[in-house]
Amino acid sequence: MCANKHGHGLAGMAERVSLLGGDFDAGPDPRGGWTVTATIPRTTDGSQ
């Protein structure tokens, strides 16, 4: 996997999720590797 030198990584992901009113968590997984979880509320009518 190639690192994107123009992105903002986990901080950028967390910021975008926050702007949408969601929750974001990222960290080492006890089984190895990393776990990233984002929960973003949705609406049924397309509004925010």
PDB file of N, CA and C in Angstrom:
ATOM      1  N   MET A   1       0.856  -1.182   0.000  1.00  0.00           N
ATOM      2  CA  MET A   1       0.000   0.000   0.000  1.00  0.00           C
ATOM      3  C   MET A   1       0.897   1.239   0.000  1.00  0.00           C
ATOM      4  N   CYS A   2       0.550   2.189  -0.779  1.00  0.00           N
ATOM      5  CA  CYS A   2       1.328   3.405  -0.955  1.00  0.00           C
ATOM      6  C   CYS A   2       0.735   4.539  -0.116  1.00  0.00           C
ATOM      7  N   ALA A   3       1.568   5.239   0.625  1.00  0.00           N
ATOM      8  CA  ALA A   3       1.097   6.374   1.431  1.00  0.00           C
ATOM      9  C   ALA A   3       0.758   7.550   0.524  1.00  0.00           C
ATOM     10  N   ASN A   4      -0.354   8.200   0.808  1.00  0.00           N
ATOM     11  CA  ASN A   4      -0.769   9.384   0.044  1.00  0.00           C
ATOM     12  C   ASN A   4      -0.133  10.606   0.683  1.00  0.00           C
ATOM     13  N   LYS A   5       0.785  11.246   0.012  1.00  0.00           N
ATOM     14  CA  LYS A   5       1.499  12.382   0.576  1.00  0.00           C
ATOM     15  C   LYS A   5       0.674  13.663   0.550  1.00  0.00           C
ATOM     16  N   HIS A   6      -0.528  13.620  -0.039  1.00  0.00           N
ATOM     17  CA  HIS A   6      -1.365  14.805  -0.129  1.00  0.00           C
ATOM     18  C   HIS A   6      -2.574  14.738   0.790  1.00  0.00           C
ATOM     19  N   GLY A   7      -2.735  13.646   1.504  1.00  0.00           N
ATOM     20  CA  GLY A   7      -3.900  13.463   2.368  1.00  0.00           C
ATOM     21  C   GLY A   7      -3.628  13.921   3.794  1.00  0.00           C
ATOM     22  N   HIS A   8      -4.605  13.705   4.624  1.00  0.00           N
ATOM     23  CA  HIS A   8      -4.490  14.096   6.024  1.00  0.00           C
ATOM     24  C   HIS A   8      -4.701  12.915   6.955  1.00  0.00           C
ATOM     25  N   GLY A   9      -4.706  11.712   6.400  1.00  0.00           N
ATOM     26  CA  GLY A   9      -4.744  10.497   7.187  1.00  0.00           C
ATOM     27  C   GLY A   9      -5.890  10.423   8.172  1.00  0.00           C
ATOM     28  N   LEU A  10      -5.597   9.847   9.323  1.00  0.00           N
ATOM     29  CA  LEU A  10      -6.621   9.641  10.348  1.00  0.00           C
ATOM     30  C   LEU A  10      -7.191  10.956  10.867  1.00  0.00           C
ATOM     31  N   ALA A  11      -6.360  11.974  10.975  1.00  0.00           N
ATOM     32  CA  ALA A  11      -6.857  13.273  11.456  1.00  0.00           C
ATOM     33  C   ALA A  11      -7.888  13.845  10.496  1.00  0.00           C
ATOM     34  N   GLY A  12      -7.645  13.714   9.203  1.00  0.00           N
ATOM     35  CA  GLY A  12      -8.598  14.194   8.202  1.00  0.00           C
ATOM     36  C   GLY A  12      -9.888  13.402   8.224  1.00  0.00           C
ATOM     37  N   MET A  13      -9.775  12.086   8.396  1.00  0.00           N
ATOM     38  CA  MET A  13     -10.968  11.247   8.487  1.00  0.00           C
ATOM     39  C   MET A  13     -11.796  11.636   9.707  1.00  0.00           C
ATOM     40  N   ALA A  14     -11.130  11.811  10.843  1.00  0.00           N
ATOM     41  CA  ALA A  14     -11.831  12.179  12.076  1.00  0.00           C
ATOM     42  C   ALA A  14     -12.523  13.529  11.925  1.00  0.00           C
ATOM     43  N   GLU A  15     -11.876  14.474  11.277  1.00  0.00           N
ATOM     44  CA  GLU A  15     -12.469  15.797  11.080  1.00  0.00           C
ATOM     45  C   GLU A  15     -13.720  15.719  10.206  1.00  0.00           C
ATOM     46  N   ARG A  16     -13.638  14.969   9.123  1.00  0.00           N
ATOM     47  CA  ARG A  16     -14.805  14.849   8.237  1.00  0.00           C
ATOM     48  C   ARG A  16     -15.973  14.166   8.926  1.00  0.00           C
ATOM     49  N   VAL A  17     -15.701  13.122   9.681  1.00  0.00           N
ATOM     50  CA  VAL A  17     -16.770  12.426  10.410  1.00  0.00           C
ATOM     51  C   VAL A  17     -17.394  13.365  11.436  1.00  0.00           C
ATOM     52  N   SER A  18     -16.575  14.131  12.129  1.00  0.00           N
ATOM     53  CA  SER A  18     -17.076  15.087  13.120  1.00  0.00           C
ATOM     54  C   SER A  18     -17.966  16.147  12.479  1.00  0.00           C
ATOM     55  N   LEU A  19     -17.554  16.645  11.324  1.00  0.00           N
ATOM     56  CA  LEU A  19     -18.355  17.648  10.622  1.00  0.00           C
ATOM     57  C   LEU A  19     -19.734  17.122  10.239  1.00  0.00           C
ATOM     58  N   LEU A  20     -19.829  15.814  10.075  1.00  0.00           N
ATOM     59  CA  LEU A  20     -21.103  15.186   9.724  1.00  0.00           C
ATOM     60  C   LEU A  20     -21.883  14.737  10.962  1.00  0.00           C
ATOM     61  N   GLY A  21     -21.373  15.070  12.155  1.00  0.00           N
ATOM     62  CA  GLY A  21     -22.070  14.729  13.389  1.00  0.00           C
ATOM     63  C   GLY A  21     -21.865  13.295  13.836  1.00  0.00           C
ATOM     64  N   GLY A  22     -20.800  12.660  13.370  1.00  0.00           N
ATOM     65  CA  GLY A  22     -20.561  11.257  13.690  1.00  0.00           C
ATOM     66  C   GLY A  22     -19.492  11.043  14.741  1.00  0.00           C
ATOM     67  N   ASP A  23     -19.192   9.778  14.950  1.00  0.00           N
ATOM     68  CA  ASP A  23     -18.164   9.354  15.905  1.00  0.00           C
ATOM     69  C   ASP A  23     -17.075   8.610  15.144  1.00  0.00           C
ATOM     70  N   PHE A  24     -15.843   8.808  15.566  1.00  0.00           N
ATOM     71  CA  PHE A  24     -14.696   8.212  14.896  1.00  0.00           C
ATOM     72  C   PHE A  24     -13.747   7.649  15.930  1.00  0.00           C
ATOM     73  N   ASP A  25     -13.221   6.460  15.655  1.00  0.00           N
ATOM     74  CA  ASP A  25     -12.240   5.853  16.556  1.00  0.00           C
ATOM     75  C   ASP A  25     -11.251   5.067  15.710  1.00  0.00           C
ATOM     76  N   ALA A  26      -9.998   5.155  16.052  1.00  0.00           N
ATOM     77  CA  ALA A  26      -8.959   4.390  15.355  1.00  0.00           C
ATOM     78  C   ALA A  26      -7.872   4.033  16.350  1.00  0.00           C
ATOM     79  N   GLY A  27      -7.354   2.836  16.222  1.00  0.00           N
ATOM     80  CA  GLY A  27      -6.278   2.432  17.106  1.00  0.00           C
ATOM     81  C   GLY A  27      -5.873   0.995  16.845  1.00  0.00           C
ATOM     82  N   PRO A  28      -4.851   0.555  17.566  1.00  0.00           N
ATOM     83  CA  PRO A  28      -4.364  -0.806  17.365  1.00  0.00           C
ATOM     84  C   PRO A  28      -5.426  -1.834  17.763  1.00  0.00           C
ATOM     85  N   ASP A  29      -5.517  -2.879  16.969  1.00  0.00           N
ATOM     86  CA  ASP A  29      -6.431  -3.977  17.251  1.00  0.00           C
ATOM     87  C   ASP A  29      -5.676  -5.020  18.071  1.00  0.00           C
ATOM     88  N   PRO A  30      -6.276  -5.519  19.138  1.00  0.00           N
ATOM     89  CA  PRO A  30      -5.584  -6.510  19.973  1.00  0.00           C
ATOM     90  C   PRO A  30      -5.180  -7.772  19.196  1.00  0.00           C
ATOM     91  N   ARG A  31      -5.842  -8.045  18.084  1.00  0.00           N
ATOM     92  CA  ARG A  31      -5.517  -9.225  17.276  1.00  0.00           C
ATOM     93  C   ARG A  31      -4.437  -8.929  16.246  1.00  0.00           C
ATOM     94  N   GLY A  32      -3.996  -7.677  16.195  1.00  0.00           N
ATOM     95  CA  GLY A  32      -2.984  -7.277  15.228  1.00  0.00           C
ATOM     96  C   GLY A  32      -3.556  -6.284  14.239  1.00  0.00           C
ATOM     97  N   GLY A  33      -2.723  -5.443  13.702  1.00  0.00           N
ATOM     98  CA  GLY A  33      -3.173  -4.428  12.759  1.00  0.00           C
ATOM     99  C   GLY A  33      -3.896  -3.279  13.450  1.00  0.00           C
ATOM    100  N   TRP A  34      -4.729  -2.616  12.701  1.00  0.00           N
ATOM    101  CA  TRP A  34      -5.473  -1.461  13.203  1.00  0.00           C
ATOM    102  C   TRP A  34      -6.955  -1.624  12.937  1.00  0.00           C
ATOM    103  N   THR A  35      -7.758  -0.966  13.764  1.00  0.00           N
ATOM    104  CA  THR A  35      -9.194  -0.917  13.551  1.00  0.00           C
ATOM    105  C   THR A  35      -9.602   0.536  13.422  1.00  0.00           C
ATOM    106  N   VAL A  36     -10.356   0.843  12.385  1.00  0.00           N
ATOM    107  CA  VAL A  36     -10.898   2.182  12.171  1.00  0.00           C
ATOM    108  C   VAL A  36     -12.413   2.045  12.105  1.00  0.00           C
ATOM    109  N   THR A  37     -13.113   2.815  12.954  1.00  0.00           N
ATOM    110  CA  THR A  37     -14.572   2.770  12.985  1.00  0.00           C
ATOM    111  C   THR A  37     -15.113   4.186  12.866  1.00  0.00           C
ATOM    112  N   ALA A  38     -16.026   4.375  11.925  1.00  0.00           N
ATOM    113  CA  ALA A  38     -16.705   5.662  11.757  1.00  0.00           C
ATOM    114  C   ALA A  38     -18.201   5.403  11.736  1.00  0.00           C
ATOM    115  N   THR A  39     -18.929   6.129  12.557  1.00  0.00           N
ATOM    116  CA  THR A  39     -20.382   6.040  12.584  1.00  0.00           C
ATOM    117  C   THR A  39     -20.923   7.408  12.229  1.00  0.00           C
ATOM    118  N   ILE A  40     -21.663   7.479  11.136  1.00  0.00           N
ATOM    119  CA  ILE A  40     -22.178   8.751  10.630  1.00  0.00           C
ATOM    120  C   ILE A  40     -23.698   8.660  10.571  1.00  0.00           C
ATOM    121  N   PRO A  41     -24.390   9.618  11.198  1.00  0.00           N
ATOM    122  CA  PRO A  41     -25.854   9.573  11.137  1.00  0.00           C
ATOM    123  C   PRO A  41     -26.343   9.805   9.715  1.00  0.00           C
ATOM    124  N   ARG A  42     -27.443   9.181   9.389  1.00  0.00           N
ATOM    125  CA  ARG A  42     -28.032   9.401   8.078  1.00  0.00           C
ATOM    126  C   ARG A  42     -29.470   9.869   8.249  1.00  0.00           C
ATOM    127  N   THR A  43     -29.983  10.494   7.221  1.00  0.00           N
ATOM    128  CA  THR A  43     -31.378  10.914   7.212  1.00  0.00           C
ATOM    129  C   THR A  43     -32.074  10.187   6.076  1.00  0.00           C
ATOM    130  N   THR A  44     -33.370  10.035   6.201  1.00  0.00           N
ATOM    131  CA  THR A  44     -34.108   9.344   5.159  1.00  0.00           C
ATOM    132  C   THR A  44     -34.582  10.288   4.061  1.00  0.00           C
ATOM    133  N   ASP A  45     -34.563  11.606   4.331  1.00  0.00           N
ATOM    134  CA  ASP A  45     -35.063  12.561   3.329  1.00  0.00           C
ATOM    135  C   ASP A  45     -33.931  13.281   2.592  1.00  0.00           C
ATOM    136  N   GLY A  46     -32.682  12.940   2.873  1.00  0.00           N
ATOM    137  CA  GLY A  46     -31.557  13.565   2.184  1.00  0.00           C
ATOM    138  C   GLY A  46     -31.078  14.852   2.803  1.00  0.00           C
ATOM    139  N   SER A  47     -31.730  15.360   3.831  1.00  0.00           N
ATOM    140  CA  SER A  47     -31.269  16.575   4.484  1.00  0.00           C
ATOM    141  C   SER A  47     -30.253  16.235   5.558  1.00  0.00           C
ATOM    142  N   GLN A  48     -29.565  17.273   6.057  1.00  0.00           N
ATOM    143  CA  GLN A  48     -28.575  17.044   7.118  1.00  0.00           C
ATOM    144  C   GLN A  48     -29.115  17.412   8.447  1.00  0.00           C
TER     145      GLN A  48
END
